[in-house]
Protein backbone atom coordinates (compact mmCIF):
# COMPACT_ATOMS: atom_id res chain seq x y z
CA UNK A 1 -8.63 -50.51 15.76
CA UNK A 2 -5.44 -48.09 16.33
CA UNK A 3 -4.57 -48.75 12.47
CA UNK A 4 -7.86 -47.21 12.14
CA UNK A 5 -7.62 -44.12 14.09
CA UNK A 6 -4.26 -44.05 12.49
CA UNK A 7 -5.52 -43.82 9.10
CA UNK A 8 -8.51 -41.09 10.24
CA UNK A 9 -5.68 -39.11 11.93
CA UNK A 10 -3.11 -39.42 8.35
CA UNK A 11 -6.75 -38.14 6.45
CA UNK A 12 -7.53 -35.58 8.84
CA UNK A 13 -3.51 -34.13 8.63
CA UNK A 14 -3.74 -34.11 5.02
CA UNK A 15 -7.09 -32.42 5.00
CA UNK A 16 -5.66 -29.75 7.62
CA UNK A 17 -2.12 -29.60 5.16
CA UNK A 18 -4.83 -28.74 2.40
CA UNK A 19 -6.59 -26.38 4.10
CA UNK A 20 -3.53 -24.22 5.15
CA UNK A 21 -1.77 -24.35 1.36
CA UNK A 22 -5.67 -23.33 0.11
CA UNK A 23 -5.43 -20.36 2.54
CA UNK A 24 -1.91 -19.38 1.68
CA UNK A 25 -2.40 -19.24 -1.67
CA UNK A 26 -5.63 -17.05 -1.24
CA UNK A 27 -3.82 -14.35 1.06
CA UNK A 28 -1.02 -14.33 -1.74
CA UNK A 29 -3.37 -13.63 -4.33
CA UNK A 30 -5.17 -11.17 -2.01
CA UNK A 31 -1.76 -9.45 -1.48
CA UNK A 32 -1.13 -9.00 -5.11
CA UNK A 33 -4.26 -7.30 -5.91
CA UNK A 34 -3.72 -4.81 -2.67
CA UNK A 35 -0.37 -4.31 -3.80
CA UNK A 36 -1.78 -3.82 -7.92
CA UNK A 37 -4.55 -1.61 -6.56
CA UNK A 38 -2.02 0.50 -4.59
CA UNK A 39 -0.03 0.82 -7.90
CA UNK A 40 -3.13 2.03 -9.95
CA UNK A 41 -3.50 4.48 -7.06
CA UNK A 42 -0.22 6.36 -6.95
CA UNK A 43 -0.59 6.15 -10.73
CA UNK A 44 -3.44 8.29 -11.06
CA UNK A 45 -2.54 10.30 -8.46
CA UNK A 46 1.23 11.15 -10.28
CA UNK A 47 -1.26 11.85 -13.33
CA UNK A 48 -3.04 14.40 -11.18
CA UNK A 49 0.04 15.66 -9.74
CA UNK A 50 1.17 16.18 -13.66
CA UNK A 51 -2.09 17.80 -14.46
CA UNK A 52 -2.25 19.99 -12.17
CA UNK A 53 1.28 21.30 -12.83
CA UNK A 54 0.57 21.61 -16.48
CA UNK A 55 -2.53 23.89 -15.66
CA UNK A 56 -0.15 25.97 -13.08
CA UNK A 57 2.61 26.38 -16.14
CA UNK A 58 -0.47 27.47 -18.44
CA UNK A 59 -1.62 30.28 -16.13
CA UNK A 60 1.73 31.57 -15.43
CA UNK A 61 2.48 32.07 -19.36
CA UNK A 62 -1.31 33.63 -20.22
CA UNK A 63 -2.74 34.51 -16.90
CA UNK A 64 -5.89 36.37 -18.10
CA UNK A 65 -6.89 33.80 -20.50
CA UNK A 66 -9.91 32.26 -20.28
CA UNK A 67 -11.04 34.19 -17.03
CA UNK A 68 -13.45 36.73 -18.57
CA UNK A 69 -16.58 36.57 -21.12
CA UNK A 70 -18.00 39.38 -22.97
CA UNK A 71 -21.69 38.50 -22.47
CA UNK A 72 -22.84 41.71 -24.57
CA UNK A 73 -24.00 40.84 -28.08
């Protein structure tokens, strides 16, 4: 009977190792995805900062352009 218990124990150990490997693999993929999303967010913030700087530069060159509307027809 001890052979049956050892085989069952080995099978359970193998299943536990497989489950652990799968868990680590999923965690790695989740981390990679989170890093990619973080990089995308940083890129968006950089683009927004560049757009804001371009708008400020444009206003300083032509400070009153586009601020008034002539509504008399």
